[in-house]
Amino acid sequence: MKSFFSKIGILFVLCGLFFQCIQNRDDLFYSGQEGNQKIFETYALKNSGCGTNKLPGALLLGRVKIDDLKLCFKAIELIDCVTWNTEGYVPGSCKNIGTSFK
């Protein structure tokens, strides 16, 4: 029974190490500069389609997950112009972008 629990413990440690290695891969992240550029491009595209001049509410300071930005971009694409033109509106997925300083 004791060896069973030690094997389970080793399995959890190995899974944790594997997950950590995957999360730190550079190809999963944009630099802050790349992320900001892509956000400004997406805003510019939506602004031209909706006839507004909206700017992003915040800048990214460090690395950001590509998947987090893609969710934000998709949310911006799917928003209708009436909602987009609302003062102060920012999609929830754009507010929740996680920044990594590693």
PDB file of N, CA and C in Angstrom:
ATOM      1  N   MET A   1       0.825  -1.184   0.000  1.00  0.00           N
ATOM      2  CA  MET A   1       0.000   0.000   0.000  1.00  0.00           C
ATOM      3  C   MET A   1       0.879   1.262   0.000  1.00  0.00           C
ATOM      4  N   LYS A   2       1.965   1.203   0.789  1.00  0.00           N
ATOM      5  CA  LYS A   2       2.864   2.353   0.867  1.00  0.00           C
ATOM      6  C   LYS A   2       3.539   2.608  -0.481  1.00  0.00           C
ATOM      7  N   SER A   3       3.909   1.541  -1.181  1.00  0.00           N
ATOM      8  CA  SER A   3       4.554   1.719  -2.480  1.00  0.00           C
ATOM      9  C   SER A   3       3.565   2.262  -3.514  1.00  0.00           C
ATOM     10  N   PHE A   4       2.287   1.927  -3.361  1.00  0.00           N
ATOM     11  CA  PHE A   4       1.261   2.453  -4.261  1.00  0.00           C
ATOM     12  C   PHE A   4       1.189   3.975  -4.144  1.00  0.00           C
ATOM     13  N   PHE A   5       1.170   4.477  -2.890  1.00  0.00           N
ATOM     14  CA  PHE A   5       1.100   5.921  -2.678  1.00  0.00           C
ATOM     15  C   PHE A   5       2.369   6.628  -3.145  1.00  0.00           C
ATOM     16  N   SER A   6       3.510   5.988  -2.993  1.00  0.00           N
ATOM     17  CA  SER A   6       4.747   6.609  -3.462  1.00  0.00           C
ATOM     18  C   SER A   6       4.766   6.679  -4.985  1.00  0.00           C
ATOM     19  N   LYS A   7       4.210   5.656  -5.649  1.00  0.00           N
ATOM     20  CA  LYS A   7       4.125   5.692  -7.119  1.00  0.00           C
ATOM     21  C   LYS A   7       3.175   6.784  -7.577  1.00  0.00           C
ATOM     22  N   ILE A   8       2.070   6.939  -6.865  1.00  0.00           N
ATOM     23  CA  ILE A   8       1.118   8.005  -7.200  1.00  0.00           C
ATOM     24  C   ILE A   8       1.785   9.370  -7.003  1.00  0.00           C
ATOM     25  N   GLY A   9       2.533   9.519  -5.920  1.00  0.00           N
ATOM     26  CA  GLY A   9       3.234  10.779  -5.661  1.00  0.00           C
ATOM     27  C   GLY A   9       4.236  11.102  -6.752  1.00  0.00           C
ATOM     28  N   ILE A  10       4.988  10.099  -7.169  1.00  0.00           N
ATOM     29  CA  ILE A  10       5.963  10.296  -8.249  1.00  0.00           C
ATOM     30  C   ILE A  10       5.244  10.677  -9.538  1.00  0.00           C
ATOM     31  N   LEU A  11       4.101  10.056  -9.798  1.00  0.00           N
ATOM     32  CA  LEU A  11       3.319  10.367 -10.995  1.00  0.00           C
ATOM     33  C   LEU A  11       2.875  11.832 -10.982  1.00  0.00           C
ATOM     34  N   PHE A  12       2.392  12.304  -9.828  1.00  0.00           N
ATOM     35  CA  PHE A  12       1.967  13.698  -9.728  1.00  0.00           C
ATOM     36  C   PHE A  12       3.135  14.663  -9.930  1.00  0.00           C
ATOM     37  N   VAL A  13       4.274  14.340  -9.383  1.00  0.00           N
ATOM     38  CA  VAL A  13       5.461  15.188  -9.551  1.00  0.00           C
ATOM     39  C   VAL A  13       5.868  15.245 -11.016  1.00  0.00           C
ATOM     40  N   LEU A  14       5.887  14.100 -11.681  1.00  0.00           N
ATOM     41  CA  LEU A  14       6.253  14.074 -13.099  1.00  0.00           C
ATOM     42  C   LEU A  14       5.247  14.836 -13.949  1.00  0.00           C
ATOM     43  N   CYS A  15       3.964  14.676 -13.646  1.00  0.00           N
ATOM     44  CA  CYS A  15       2.942  15.424 -14.390  1.00  0.00           C
ATOM     45  C   CYS A  15       3.113  16.925 -14.179  1.00  0.00           C
ATOM     46  N   GLY A  16       3.412  17.318 -12.947  1.00  0.00           N
ATOM     47  CA  GLY A  16       3.629  18.732 -12.655  1.00  0.00           C
ATOM     48  C   GLY A  16       4.818  19.294 -13.403  1.00  0.00           C
ATOM     49  N   LEU A  17       5.903  18.538 -13.447  1.00  0.00           N
ATOM     50  CA  LEU A  17       7.087  18.988 -14.181  1.00  0.00           C
ATOM     51  C   LEU A  17       6.800  19.086 -15.668  1.00  0.00           C
ATOM     52  N   PHE A  18       6.084  18.102 -16.200  1.00  0.00           N
ATOM     53  CA  PHE A  18       5.738  18.111 -17.620  1.00  0.00           C
ATOM     54  C   PHE A  18       4.863  19.311 -17.944  1.00  0.00           C
ATOM     55  N   PHE A  19       3.865  19.579 -17.109  1.00  0.00           N
ATOM     56  CA  PHE A  19       2.968  20.711 -17.332  1.00  0.00           C
ATOM     57  C   PHE A  19       3.738  22.019 -17.269  1.00  0.00           C
ATOM     58  N   GLN A  20       4.634  22.148 -16.310  1.00  0.00           N
ATOM     59  CA  GLN A  20       5.429  23.369 -16.173  1.00  0.00           C
ATOM     60  C   GLN A  20       6.308  23.585 -17.402  1.00  0.00           C
ATOM     61  N   CYS A  21       6.881  22.530 -17.939  1.00  0.00           N
ATOM     62  CA  CYS A  21       7.720  22.656 -19.129  1.00  0.00           C
ATOM     63  C   CYS A  21       6.905  23.118 -20.321  1.00  0.00           C
ATOM     64  N   ILE A  22       5.703  22.608 -20.459  1.00  0.00           N
ATOM     65  CA  ILE A  22       4.849  23.011 -21.575  1.00  0.00           C
ATOM     66  C   ILE A  22       4.454  24.475 -21.425  1.00  0.00           C
ATOM     67  N   GLN A  23       4.136  24.911 -20.223  1.00  0.00           N
ATOM     68  CA  GLN A  23       3.668  26.272 -20.007  1.00  0.00           C
ATOM     69  C   GLN A  23       4.749  27.318 -20.241  1.00  0.00           C
ATOM     70  N   ASN A  24       5.997  26.952 -20.187  1.00  0.00           N
ATOM     71  CA  ASN A  24       7.077  27.925 -20.353  1.00  0.00           C
ATOM     72  C   ASN A  24       7.656  27.952 -21.757  1.00  0.00           C
ATOM     73  N   ARG A  25       7.074  27.221 -22.689  1.00  0.00           N
ATOM     74  CA  ARG A  25       7.589  27.227 -24.056  1.00  0.00           C
ATOM     75  C   ARG A  25       7.365  28.596 -24.680  1.00  0.00           C
ATOM     76  N   ASP A  26       8.399  29.105 -25.339  1.00  0.00           N
ATOM     77  CA  ASP A  26       8.319  30.440 -25.926  1.00  0.00           C
ATOM     78  C   ASP A  26       7.331  30.534 -27.076  1.00  0.00           C
ATOM     79  N   ASP A  27       7.056  29.419 -27.763  1.00  0.00           N
ATOM     80  CA  ASP A  27       6.138  29.490 -28.893  1.00  0.00           C
ATOM     81  C   ASP A  27       4.677  29.584 -28.451  1.00  0.00           C
ATOM     82  N   LEU A  28       4.403  29.547 -27.158  1.00  0.00           N
ATOM     83  CA  LEU A  28       3.049  29.721 -26.645  1.00  0.00           C
ATOM     84  C   LEU A  28       2.768  31.169 -26.255  1.00  0.00           C
ATOM     85  N   PHE A  29       3.773  32.035 -26.377  1.00  0.00           N
ATOM     86  CA  PHE A  29       3.654  33.409 -25.906  1.00  0.00           C
ATOM     87  C   PHE A  29       4.040  34.410 -26.990  1.00  0.00           C
ATOM     88  N   TYR A  30       3.408  35.583 -26.928  1.00  0.00           N
ATOM     89  CA  TYR A  30       3.873  36.754 -27.666  1.00  0.00           C
ATOM     90  C   TYR A  30       4.639  37.625 -26.676  1.00  0.00           C
ATOM     91  N   SER A  31       5.607  38.356 -27.168  1.00  0.00           N
ATOM     92  CA  SER A  31       6.239  39.360 -26.313  1.00  0.00           C
ATOM     93  C   SER A  31       5.214  40.474 -26.088  1.00  0.00           C
ATOM     94  N   GLY A  32       5.478  41.331 -25.119  1.00  0.00           N
ATOM     95  CA  GLY A  32       4.568  42.441 -24.867  1.00  0.00           C
ATOM     96  C   GLY A  32       4.387  43.315 -26.093  1.00  0.00           C
ATOM     97  N   GLN A  33       5.479  43.560 -26.809  1.00  0.00           N
ATOM     98  CA  GLN A  33       5.426  44.396 -28.010  1.00  0.00           C
ATOM     99  C   GLN A  33       4.570  43.748 -29.095  1.00  0.00           C
ATOM    100  N   GLU A  34       4.776  42.449 -29.331  1.00  0.00           N
ATOM    101  CA  GLU A  34       3.976  41.739 -30.339  1.00  0.00           C
ATOM    102  C   GLU A  34       2.500  41.726 -29.957  1.00  0.00           C
ATOM    103  N   GLY A  35       2.235  41.459 -28.689  1.00  0.00           N
ATOM    104  CA  GLY A  35       0.850  41.424 -28.216  1.00  0.00           C
ATOM    105  C   GLY A  35       0.161  42.762 -28.389  1.00  0.00           C
ATOM    106  N   ASN A  36       0.845  43.839 -28.010  1.00  0.00           N
ATOM    107  CA  ASN A  36       0.270  45.179 -28.167  1.00  0.00           C
ATOM    108  C   ASN A  36       0.023  45.509 -29.629  1.00  0.00           C
ATOM    109  N   GLN A  37       0.961  45.143 -30.495  1.00  0.00           N
ATOM    110  CA  GLN A  37       0.795  45.408 -31.922  1.00  0.00           C
ATOM    111  C   GLN A  37      -0.437  44.693 -32.460  1.00  0.00           C
ATOM    112  N   LYS A  38      -0.616  43.435 -32.083  1.00  0.00           N
ATOM    113  CA  LYS A  38      -1.754  42.667 -32.580  1.00  0.00           C
ATOM    114  C   LYS A  38      -3.075  43.193 -32.026  1.00  0.00           C
ATOM    115  N   ILE A  39      -3.069  43.658 -30.774  1.00  0.00           N
ATOM    116  CA  ILE A  39      -4.287  44.244 -30.212  1.00  0.00           C
ATOM    117  C   ILE A  39      -4.640  45.528 -30.956  1.00  0.00           C
ATOM    118  N   PHE A  40      -3.648  46.389 -31.214  1.00  0.00           N
ATOM    119  CA  PHE A  40      -3.917  47.629 -31.941  1.00  0.00           C
ATOM    120  C   PHE A  40      -4.412  47.338 -33.357  1.00  0.00           C
ATOM    121  N   GLU A  41      -3.858  46.319 -34.012  1.00  0.00           N
ATOM    122  CA  GLU A  41      -4.322  45.940 -35.353  1.00  0.00           C
ATOM    123  C   GLU A  41      -5.776  45.488 -35.316  1.00  0.00           C
ATOM    124  N   THR A  42      -6.134  44.689 -34.318  1.00  0.00           N
ATOM    125  CA  THR A  42      -7.506  44.194 -34.203  1.00  0.00           C
ATOM    126  C   THR A  42      -8.470  45.338 -33.915  1.00  0.00           C
ATOM    127  N   TYR A  43      -8.079  46.245 -33.018  1.00  0.00           N
ATOM    128  CA  TYR A  43      -8.915  47.409 -32.734  1.00  0.00           C
ATOM    129  C   TYR A  43      -9.088  48.268 -33.988  1.00  0.00           C
ATOM    130  N   ALA A  44      -8.007  48.476 -34.734  1.00  0.00           N
ATOM    131  CA  ALA A  44      -8.084  49.302 -35.946  1.00  0.00           C
ATOM    132  C   ALA A  44      -9.030  48.685 -36.967  1.00  0.00           C
ATOM    133  N   LEU A  45      -8.982  47.376 -37.117  1.00  0.00           N
ATOM    134  CA  LEU A  45      -9.869  46.692 -38.057  1.00  0.00           C
ATOM    135  C   LEU A  45     -11.326  46.850 -37.639  1.00  0.00           C
ATOM    136  N   LYS A  46     -11.604  46.661 -36.352  1.00  0.00           N
ATOM    137  CA  LYS A  46     -12.984  46.802 -35.863  1.00  0.00           C
ATOM    138  C   LYS A  46     -13.434  48.253 -35.953  1.00  0.00           C
ATOM    139  N   ASN A  47     -12.553  49.191 -35.612  1.00  0.00           N
ATOM    140  CA  ASN A  47     -12.896  50.612 -35.700  1.00  0.00           C
ATOM    141  C   ASN A  47     -13.246  51.013 -37.126  1.00  0.00           C
ATOM    142  N   SER A  48     -12.492  50.522 -38.099  1.00  0.00           N
ATOM    143  CA  SER A  48     -12.779  50.879 -39.493  1.00  0.00           C
ATOM    144  C   SER A  48     -14.115  50.293 -39.933  1.00  0.00           C
ATOM    145  N   GLY A  49     -14.460  49.129 -39.442  1.00  0.00           N
ATOM    146  CA  GLY A  49     -15.743  48.519 -39.789  1.00  0.00           C
ATOM    147  C   GLY A  49     -16.924  49.183 -39.110  1.00  0.00           C
ATOM    148  N   CYS A  50     -16.692  49.753 -37.928  1.00  0.00           N
ATOM    149  CA  CYS A  50     -17.786  50.345 -37.152  1.00  0.00           C
ATOM    150  C   CYS A  50     -17.765  51.872 -37.145  1.00  0.00           C
ATOM    151  N   GLY A  51     -16.783  52.483 -37.781  1.00  0.00           N
ATOM    152  CA  GLY A  51     -16.727  53.938 -37.870  1.00  0.00           C
ATOM    153  C   GLY A  51     -16.424  54.624 -36.547  1.00  0.00           C
ATOM    154  N   THR A  52     -15.581  54.017 -35.732  1.00  0.00           N
ATOM    155  CA  THR A  52     -15.204  54.636 -34.457  1.00  0.00           C
ATOM    156  C   THR A  52     -13.689  54.787 -34.386  1.00  0.00           C
ATOM    157  N   ASN A  53     -13.232  55.344 -33.281  1.00  0.00           N
ATOM    158  CA  ASN A  53     -11.796  55.506 -33.069  1.00  0.00           C
ATOM    159  C   ASN A  53     -11.451  55.090 -31.641  1.00  0.00           C
ATOM    160  N   LYS A  54     -11.761  53.864 -31.302  1.00  0.00           N
ATOM    161  CA  LYS A  54     -11.537  53.331 -29.961  1.00  0.00           C
ATOM    162  C   LYS A  54     -10.103  52.870 -29.791  1.00  0.00           C
ATOM    163  N   LEU A  55      -9.554  53.050 -28.599  1.00  0.00           N
ATOM    164  CA  LEU A  55      -8.205  52.575 -28.283  1.00  0.00           C
ATOM    165  C   LEU A  55      -8.287  51.516 -27.187  1.00  0.00           C
ATOM    166  N   PRO A  56      -7.329  50.592 -27.166  1.00  0.00           N
ATOM    167  CA  PRO A  56      -7.314  49.599 -26.081  1.00  0.00           C
ATOM    168  C   PRO A  56      -7.195  50.289 -24.725  1.00  0.00           C
ATOM    169  N   GLY A  57      -7.798  49.681 -23.722  1.00  0.00           N
ATOM    170  CA  GLY A  57      -7.803  50.279 -22.391  1.00  0.00           C
ATOM    171  C   GLY A  57      -6.499  50.126 -21.633  1.00  0.00           C
ATOM    172  N   ALA A  58      -5.676  49.157 -22.004  1.00  0.00           N
ATOM    173  CA  ALA A  58      -4.430  48.913 -21.275  1.00  0.00           C
ATOM    174  C   ALA A  58      -3.389  48.342 -22.223  1.00  0.00           C
ATOM    175  N   LEU A  59      -2.134  48.499 -21.850  1.00  0.00           N
ATOM    176  CA  LEU A  59      -1.036  47.925 -22.621  1.00  0.00           C
ATOM    177  C   LEU A  59      -0.507  46.688 -21.911  1.00  0.00           C
ATOM    178  N   LEU A  60       0.004  45.764 -22.684  1.00  0.00           N
ATOM    179  CA  LEU A  60       0.621  44.562 -22.130  1.00  0.00           C
ATOM    180  C   LEU A  60       2.067  44.880 -21.790  1.00  0.00           C
ATOM    181  N   LEU A  61       2.483  44.513 -20.606  1.00  0.00           N
ATOM    182  CA  LEU A  61       3.832  44.847 -20.157  1.00  0.00           C
ATOM    183  C   LEU A  61       4.828  43.717 -20.335  1.00  0.00           C
ATOM    184  N   GLY A  62       4.350  42.494 -20.397  1.00  0.00           N
ATOM    185  CA  GLY A  62       5.241  41.337 -20.513  1.00  0.00           C
ATOM    186  C   GLY A  62       4.664  40.326 -21.480  1.00  0.00           C
ATOM    187  N   ARG A  63       5.222  39.115 -21.426  1.00  0.00           N
ATOM    188  CA  ARG A  63       4.746  38.057 -22.317  1.00  0.00           C
ATOM    189  C   ARG A  63       3.274  37.761 -22.051  1.00  0.00           C
ATOM    190  N   VAL A  64       2.578  37.387 -23.106  1.00  0.00           N
ATOM    191  CA  VAL A  64       1.161  37.053 -22.980  1.00  0.00           C
ATOM    192  C   VAL A  64       0.880  35.798 -23.796  1.00  0.00           C
ATOM    193  N   LYS A  65       0.020  34.929 -23.276  1.00  0.00           N
ATOM    194  CA  LYS A  65      -0.306  33.694 -23.975  1.00  0.00           C
ATOM    195  C   LYS A  65      -1.031  34.003 -25.275  1.00  0.00           C
ATOM    196  N   ILE A  66      -0.610  33.356 -26.333  1.00  0.00           N
ATOM    197  CA  ILE A  66      -1.212  33.550 -27.650  1.00  0.00           C
ATOM    198  C   ILE A  66      -2.686  33.176 -27.616  1.00  0.00           C
ATOM    199  N   ASP A  67      -3.026  32.090 -26.930  1.00  0.00           N
ATOM    200  CA  ASP A  67      -4.422  31.655 -26.866  1.00  0.00           C
ATOM    201  C   ASP A  67      -5.309  32.685 -26.173  1.00  0.00           C
ATOM    202  N   ASP A  68      -4.787  33.370 -25.142  1.00  0.00           N
ATOM    203  CA  ASP A  68      -5.557  34.418 -24.468  1.00  0.00           C
ATOM    204  C   ASP A  68      -5.860  35.563 -25.431  1.00  0.00           C
ATOM    205  N   LEU A  69      -4.868  35.941 -26.224  1.00  0.00           N
ATOM    206  CA  LEU A  69      -5.091  37.017 -27.195  1.00  0.00           C
ATOM    207  C   LEU A  69      -6.062  36.590 -28.287  1.00  0.00           C
ATOM    208  N   LYS A  70      -5.969  35.343 -28.725  1.00  0.00           N
ATOM    209  CA  LYS A  70      -6.886  34.867 -29.763  1.00  0.00           C
ATOM    210  C   LYS A  70      -8.332  34.913 -29.288  1.00  0.00           C
ATOM    211  N   LEU A  71      -8.572  34.597 -28.011  1.00  0.00           N
ATOM    212  CA  LEU A  71      -9.927  34.703 -27.461  1.00  0.00           C
ATOM    213  C   LEU A  71     -10.413  36.149 -27.492  1.00  0.00           C
ATOM    214  N   CYS A  72      -9.535  37.066 -27.148  1.00  0.00           N
ATOM    215  CA  CYS A  72      -9.873  38.488 -27.192  1.00  0.00           C
ATOM    216  C   CYS A  72     -10.202  38.919 -28.617  1.00  0.00           C
ATOM    217  N   PHE A  73      -9.373  38.517 -29.562  1.00  0.00           N
ATOM    218  CA  PHE A  73      -9.589  38.898 -30.961  1.00  0.00           C
ATOM    219  C   PHE A  73     -10.910  38.351 -31.482  1.00  0.00           C
ATOM    220  N   LYS A  74     -11.227  37.112 -31.138  1.00  0.00           N
ATOM    221  CA  LYS A  74     -12.478  36.497 -31.590  1.00  0.00           C
ATOM    222  C   LYS A  74     -13.671  37.236 -30.989  1.00  0.00           C
ATOM    223  N   ALA A  75     -13.559  37.623 -29.715  1.00  0.00           N
ATOM    224  CA  ALA A  75     -14.640  38.373 -29.072  1.00  0.00           C
ATOM    225  C   ALA A  75     -14.850  39.717 -29.766  1.00  0.00           C
ATOM    226  N   ILE A  76     -13.769  40.381 -30.125  1.00  0.00           N
ATOM    227  CA  ILE A  76     -13.882  41.666 -30.820  1.00  0.00           C
ATOM    228  C   ILE A  76     -14.526  41.476 -32.189  1.00  0.00           C
ATOM    229  N   GLU A  77     -14.144  40.429 -32.901  1.00  0.00           N
ATOM    230  CA  GLU A  77     -14.731  40.149 -34.217  1.00  0.00           C
ATOM    231  C   GLU A  77     -16.233  39.913 -34.132  1.00  0.00           C
ATOM    232  N   LEU A  78     -16.685  39.236 -33.085  1.00  0.00           N
ATOM    233  CA  LEU A  78     -18.087  38.828 -32.984  1.00  0.00           C
ATOM    234  C   LEU A  78     -19.012  39.907 -32.428  1.00  0.00           C
ATOM    235  N   ILE A  79     -18.446  40.985 -31.894  1.00  0.00           N
ATOM    236  CA  ILE A  79     -19.265  42.049 -31.308  1.00  0.00           C
ATOM    237  C   ILE A  79     -19.888  42.885 -32.419  1.00  0.00           C
ATOM    238  N   ASP A  80     -21.170  43.212 -32.240  1.00  0.00           N
ATOM    239  CA  ASP A  80     -21.823  44.085 -33.221  1.00  0.00           C
ATOM    240  C   ASP A  80     -21.364  45.526 -32.986  1.00  0.00           C
ATOM    241  N   CYS A  81     -21.542  46.365 -33.988  1.00  0.00           N
ATOM    242  CA  CYS A  81     -21.031  47.739 -33.935  1.00  0.00           C
ATOM    243  C   CYS A  81     -21.732  48.590 -32.875  1.00  0.00           C
ATOM    244  N   VAL A  82     -23.005  48.327 -32.612  1.00  0.00           N
ATOM    245  CA  VAL A  82     -23.714  49.109 -31.591  1.00  0.00           C
ATOM    246  C   VAL A  82     -23.052  48.900 -30.231  1.00  0.00           C
ATOM    247  N   THR A  83     -22.755  47.653 -29.903  1.00  0.00           N
ATOM    248  CA  THR A  83     -22.081  47.356 -28.634  1.00  0.00           C
ATOM    249  C   THR A  83     -20.660  47.901 -28.646  1.00  0.00           C
ATOM    250  N   TRP A  84     -19.963  47.736 -29.753  1.00  0.00           N
ATOM    251  CA  TRP A  84     -18.580  48.209 -29.861  1.00  0.00           C
ATOM    252  C   TRP A  84     -18.498  49.720 -29.660  1.00  0.00           C
ATOM    253  N   ASN A  85     -19.489  50.455 -30.155  1.00  0.00           N
ATOM    254  CA  ASN A  85     -19.489  51.914 -30.054  1.00  0.00           C
ATOM    255  C   ASN A  85     -19.890  52.419 -28.670  1.00  0.00           C
ATOM    256  N   THR A  86     -20.304  51.527 -27.779  1.00  0.00           N
ATOM    257  CA  THR A  86     -20.656  51.923 -26.419  1.00  0.00           C
ATOM    258  C   THR A  86     -19.402  52.404 -25.691  1.00  0.00           C
ATOM    259  N   GLU A  87     -19.517  53.551 -25.049  1.00  0.00           N
ATOM    260  CA  GLU A  87     -18.374  54.138 -24.338  1.00  0.00           C
ATOM    261  C   GLU A  87     -17.888  53.211 -23.225  1.00  0.00           C
ATOM    262  N   GLY A  88     -16.603  52.932 -23.219  1.00  0.00           N
ATOM    263  CA  GLY A  88     -15.998  52.133 -22.164  1.00  0.00           C
ATOM    264  C   GLY A  88     -16.159  50.631 -22.304  1.00  0.00           C
ATOM    265  N   TYR A  89     -16.778  50.161 -23.386  1.00  0.00           N
ATOM    266  CA  TYR A  89     -16.983  48.717 -23.534  1.00  0.00           C
ATOM    267  C   TYR A  89     -15.686  48.019 -23.940  1.00  0.00           C
ATOM    268  N   VAL A  90     -15.335  46.969 -23.206  1.00  0.00           N
ATOM    269  CA  VAL A  90     -14.205  46.101 -23.530  1.00  0.00           C
ATOM    270  C   VAL A  90     -14.682  44.670 -23.306  1.00  0.00           C
ATOM    271  N   PRO A  91     -14.490  43.773 -24.272  1.00  0.00           N
ATOM    272  CA  PRO A  91     -14.918  42.384 -24.074  1.00  0.00           C
ATOM    273  C   PRO A  91     -14.263  41.763 -22.841  1.00  0.00           C
ATOM    274  N   GLY A  92     -15.011  40.915 -22.159  1.00  0.00           N
ATOM    275  CA  GLY A  92     -14.507  40.275 -20.947  1.00  0.00           C
ATOM    276  C   GLY A  92     -13.237  39.484 -21.176  1.00  0.00           C
ATOM    277  N   SER A  93     -13.142  38.817 -22.322  1.00  0.00           N
ATOM    278  CA  SER A  93     -11.939  38.020 -22.587  1.00  0.00           C
ATOM    279  C   SER A  93     -10.710  38.907 -22.798  1.00  0.00           C
ATOM    280  N   CYS A  94     -10.919  40.157 -23.164  1.00  0.00           N
ATOM    281  CA  CYS A  94      -9.786  41.081 -23.310  1.00  0.00           C
ATOM    282  C   CYS A  94      -9.352  41.634 -21.950  1.00  0.00           C
ATOM    283  N   LYS A  95     -10.282  41.710 -21.009  1.00  0.00           N
ATOM    284  CA  LYS A  95      -9.944  42.178 -19.663  1.00  0.00           C
ATOM    285  C   LYS A  95      -9.151  41.125 -18.901  1.00  0.00           C
ATOM    286  N   ASN A  96      -9.331  39.864 -19.264  1.00  0.00           N
ATOM    287  CA  ASN A  96      -8.740  38.758 -18.508  1.00  0.00           C
ATOM    288  C   ASN A  96      -7.466  38.207 -19.123  1.00  0.00           C
ATOM    289  N   ILE A  97      -6.789  38.988 -19.922  1.00  0.00           N
ATOM    290  CA  ILE A  97      -5.544  38.513 -20.530  1.00  0.00           C
ATOM    291  C   ILE A  97      -4.472  38.468 -19.452  1.00  0.00           C
ATOM    292  N   GLY A  98      -3.862  37.302 -19.311  1.00  0.00           N
ATOM    293  CA  GLY A  98      -2.816  37.126 -18.300  1.00  0.00           C
ATOM    294  C   GLY A  98      -1.455  37.495 -18.855  1.00  0.00           C
ATOM    295  N   THR A  99      -0.689  38.207 -18.080  1.00  0.00           N
ATOM    296  CA  THR A  99       0.656  38.607 -18.476  1.00  0.00           C
ATOM    297  C   THR A  99       1.672  37.816 -17.669  1.00  0.00           C
ATOM    298  N   SER A 100       2.732  37.364 -18.326  1.00  0.00           N
ATOM    299  CA  SER A 100       3.797  36.617 -17.662  1.00  0.00           C
ATOM    300  C   SER A 100       5.096  37.397 -17.779  1.00  0.00           C
ATOM    301  N   PHE A 101       5.819  37.532 -16.685  1.00  0.00           N
ATOM    302  CA  PHE A 101       7.071  38.282 -16.685  1.00  0.00           C
ATOM    303  C   PHE A 101       8.291  37.382 -16.700  1.00  0.00           C
ATOM    304  N   LYS A 102       8.119  36.104 -17.040  1.00  0.00           N
ATOM    305  CA  LYS A 102       9.247  35.158 -17.056  1.00  0.00           C
ATOM    306  C   LYS A 102      10.128  35.397 -18.244  1.00  0.00           C
TER     307      LYS A 102
END
